[in-house]
Amino acid sequence: MKDDLENWIDNAFDSLEGSKKASPDPGLLARIEAGLGTREAKIIPVVQWRLAAVAAAVLLLLNIWAVSGYISSDQTRSDGSGWEAETDRQLISNYRLYDL
């Protein structure tokens, strides 16, 4: 089995023996360097940074408010007077669907 694999690898390398080495276009590097030199960095105004910071702060405050409201409502329901107690009373106690 190992000889078959080695033969296959040798055949693959032997098939590449007559091929030429790949080479890039001679002017490719010059075109890339010319393209890099002409690009200008995009400058973002400070006003946009401020708006983004304000939006992030508002989103953070809304998340904090929502989580704190969820936690406080969860604590008020833990005494058994909330929707959990109501649901427990509505659950069926036996699972015999077809009584005769």
C-alpha atoms as a PDB file:
ATOM      1  CA  MET A   1       0.000   0.000   0.000  1.00  0.00           C
ATOM      2  CA  LYS A   2       2.818   2.371   0.872  1.00  0.00           C
ATOM      3  CA  ASP A   3       4.541   1.588  -2.432  1.00  0.00           C
ATOM      4  CA  ASP A   4       1.373   2.538  -4.329  1.00  0.00           C
ATOM      5  CA  LEU A   5       1.244   5.900  -2.577  1.00  0.00           C
ATOM      6  CA  GLU A   6       4.932   6.562  -3.179  1.00  0.00           C
ATOM      7  CA  ASN A   7       4.554   5.587  -6.842  1.00  0.00           C
ATOM      8  CA  TRP A   8       1.619   7.933  -7.202  1.00  0.00           C
ATOM      9  CA  ILE A   9       3.588  10.807  -5.625  1.00  0.00           C
ATOM     10  CA  ASP A  10       6.610  10.086  -7.828  1.00  0.00           C
ATOM     11  CA  ASN A  11       4.408  10.037 -10.926  1.00  0.00           C
ATOM     12  CA  ALA A  12       2.861  13.357  -9.938  1.00  0.00           C
ATOM     13  CA  PHE A  13       6.277  14.994  -9.506  1.00  0.00           C
ATOM     14  CA  ASP A  14       7.572  13.439 -12.731  1.00  0.00           C
ATOM     15  CA  SER A  15       4.655  14.917 -14.658  1.00  0.00           C
ATOM     16  CA  LEU A  16       5.778  18.407 -13.610  1.00  0.00           C
ATOM     17  CA  GLU A  17       9.304  17.953 -14.922  1.00  0.00           C
ATOM     18  CA  GLY A  18       8.808  19.555 -18.342  1.00  0.00           C
ATOM     19  CA  SER A  19       6.661  22.483 -17.188  1.00  0.00           C
ATOM     20  CA  LYS A  20       7.871  26.083 -16.906  1.00  0.00           C
ATOM     21  CA  LYS A  21       8.079  27.960 -13.632  1.00  0.00           C
ATOM     22  CA  ALA A  22       5.275  30.471 -13.131  1.00  0.00           C
ATOM     23  CA  SER A  23       6.331  34.108 -13.401  1.00  0.00           C
ATOM     24  CA  PRO A  24       4.280  37.297 -12.972  1.00  0.00           C
ATOM     25  CA  ASP A  25       3.839  40.010 -15.568  1.00  0.00           C
ATOM     26  CA  PRO A  26       6.974  42.219 -15.620  1.00  0.00           C
ATOM     27  CA  GLY A  27       5.002  45.446 -15.116  1.00  0.00           C
ATOM     28  CA  LEU A  28       2.757  44.102 -12.370  1.00  0.00           C
ATOM     29  CA  LEU A  29       4.836  45.364  -9.442  1.00  0.00           C
ATOM     30  CA  ALA A  30       5.078  48.857 -10.946  1.00  0.00           C
ATOM     31  CA  ARG A  31       1.295  49.003 -11.463  1.00  0.00           C
ATOM     32  CA  ILE A  32       0.635  47.868  -7.879  1.00  0.00           C
ATOM     33  CA  GLU A  33       3.038  50.444  -6.448  1.00  0.00           C
ATOM     34  CA  ALA A  34       1.515  53.187  -8.616  1.00  0.00           C
ATOM     35  CA  GLY A  35      -1.965  52.259  -7.421  1.00  0.00           C
ATOM     36  CA  LEU A  36      -0.886  52.323  -3.783  1.00  0.00           C
ATOM     37  CA  GLY A  37       0.711  55.747  -4.089  1.00  0.00           C
ATOM     38  CA  THR A  38      -2.369  57.458  -5.534  1.00  0.00           C
ATOM     39  CA  ARG A  39      -4.868  56.349  -2.918  1.00  0.00           C
ATOM     40  CA  GLU A  40      -5.723  58.816  -0.200  1.00  0.00           C
ATOM     41  CA  ALA A  41      -6.858  57.878   3.257  1.00  0.00           C
ATOM     42  CA  LYS A  42     -10.500  58.647   3.901  1.00  0.00           C
ATOM     43  CA  ILE A  43     -10.824  61.086   6.777  1.00  0.00           C
ATOM     44  CA  ILE A  44     -13.882  60.700   8.982  1.00  0.00           C
ATOM     45  CA  PRO A  45     -15.070  63.998  10.497  1.00  0.00           C
ATOM     46  CA  VAL A  46     -15.196  64.372  14.269  1.00  0.00           C
ATOM     47  CA  VAL A  47     -18.945  65.009  14.091  1.00  0.00           C
ATOM     48  CA  GLN A  48     -19.540  61.475  12.828  1.00  0.00           C
ATOM     49  CA  TRP A  49     -17.391  60.048  15.621  1.00  0.00           C
ATOM     50  CA  ARG A  50     -19.421  62.003  18.171  1.00  0.00           C
ATOM     51  CA  LEU A  51     -22.714  60.808  16.706  1.00  0.00           C
ATOM     52  CA  ALA A  52     -21.492  57.227  16.770  1.00  0.00           C
ATOM     53  CA  ALA A  53     -20.368  57.606  20.396  1.00  0.00           C
ATOM     54  CA  VAL A  54     -23.730  59.097  21.417  1.00  0.00           C
ATOM     55  CA  ALA A  55     -25.624  56.311  19.635  1.00  0.00           C
ATOM     56  CA  ALA A  56     -23.483  53.680  21.359  1.00  0.00           C
ATOM     57  CA  ALA A  57     -24.037  55.328  24.751  1.00  0.00           C
ATOM     58  CA  VAL A  58     -27.816  55.484  24.217  1.00  0.00           C
ATOM     59  CA  LEU A  59     -27.873  51.843  23.158  1.00  0.00           C
ATOM     60  CA  LEU A  60     -25.827  50.863  26.210  1.00  0.00           C
ATOM     61  CA  LEU A  61     -28.159  52.784  28.539  1.00  0.00           C
ATOM     62  CA  LEU A  62     -31.240  51.175  26.967  1.00  0.00           C
ATOM     63  CA  ASN A  63     -29.714  47.735  27.438  1.00  0.00           C
ATOM     64  CA  ILE A  64     -28.875  48.465  31.076  1.00  0.00           C
ATOM     65  CA  TRP A  65     -32.416  49.755  31.659  1.00  0.00           C
ATOM     66  CA  ALA A  66     -33.958  46.676  30.022  1.00  0.00           C
ATOM     67  CA  VAL A  67     -31.808  44.231  31.987  1.00  0.00           C
ATOM     68  CA  SER A  68     -32.446  45.999  35.287  1.00  0.00           C
ATOM     69  CA  GLY A  69     -36.196  45.990  34.578  1.00  0.00           C
ATOM     70  CA  TYR A  70     -36.064  42.298  33.749  1.00  0.00           C
ATOM     71  CA  ILE A  71     -34.161  41.512  36.951  1.00  0.00           C
ATOM     72  CA  SER A  72     -36.494  43.563  39.150  1.00  0.00           C
ATOM     73  CA  SER A  73     -39.608  42.016  37.580  1.00  0.00           C
ATOM     74  CA  ASP A  74     -38.118  38.558  38.053  1.00  0.00           C
ATOM     75  CA  GLN A  75     -37.552  39.289  41.751  1.00  0.00           C
ATOM     76  CA  THR A  76     -41.129  40.464  42.253  1.00  0.00           C
ATOM     77  CA  ARG A  77     -42.450  37.280  40.639  1.00  0.00           C
ATOM     78  CA  SER A  78     -40.422  34.975  42.849  1.00  0.00           C
ATOM     79  CA  ASP A  79     -42.842  35.381  45.780  1.00  0.00           C
ATOM     80  CA  GLY A  80     -45.462  33.267  43.990  1.00  0.00           C
ATOM     81  CA  SER A  81     -47.950  36.007  43.235  1.00  0.00           C
ATOM     82  CA  GLY A  82     -46.954  36.513  39.620  1.00  0.00           C
ATOM     83  CA  TRP A  83     -47.761  34.710  36.419  1.00  0.00           C
ATOM     84  CA  GLU A  84     -45.897  31.572  37.523  1.00  0.00           C
ATOM     85  CA  ALA A  85     -48.392  30.865  40.301  1.00  0.00           C
ATOM     86  CA  GLU A  86     -51.268  31.454  37.899  1.00  0.00           C
ATOM     87  CA  THR A  87     -49.800  29.029  35.379  1.00  0.00           C
ATOM     88  CA  ASP A  88     -49.242  26.373  38.020  1.00  0.00           C
ATOM     89  CA  ARG A  89     -52.931  26.460  38.877  1.00  0.00           C
ATOM     90  CA  GLN A  90     -53.884  26.052  35.238  1.00  0.00           C
ATOM     91  CA  LEU A  91     -51.739  22.979  34.618  1.00  0.00           C
ATOM     92  CA  ILE A  92     -53.527  19.669  34.546  1.00  0.00           C
ATOM     93  CA  SER A  93     -52.764  17.237  37.305  1.00  0.00           C
ATOM     94  CA  ASN A  94     -53.500  13.983  35.481  1.00  0.00           C
ATOM     95  CA  TYR A  95     -52.725  13.090  31.936  1.00  0.00           C
ATOM     96  CA  ARG A  96     -55.642  10.771  31.215  1.00  0.00           C
ATOM     97  CA  LEU A  97     -57.058  12.369  28.130  1.00  0.00           C
ATOM     98  CA  TYR A  98     -59.821   9.850  27.504  1.00  0.00           C
ATOM     99  CA  ASP A  99     -61.685   9.007  30.705  1.00  0.00           C
ATOM    100  CA  LEU A 100     -64.374   6.351  30.344  1.00  0.00           C
END
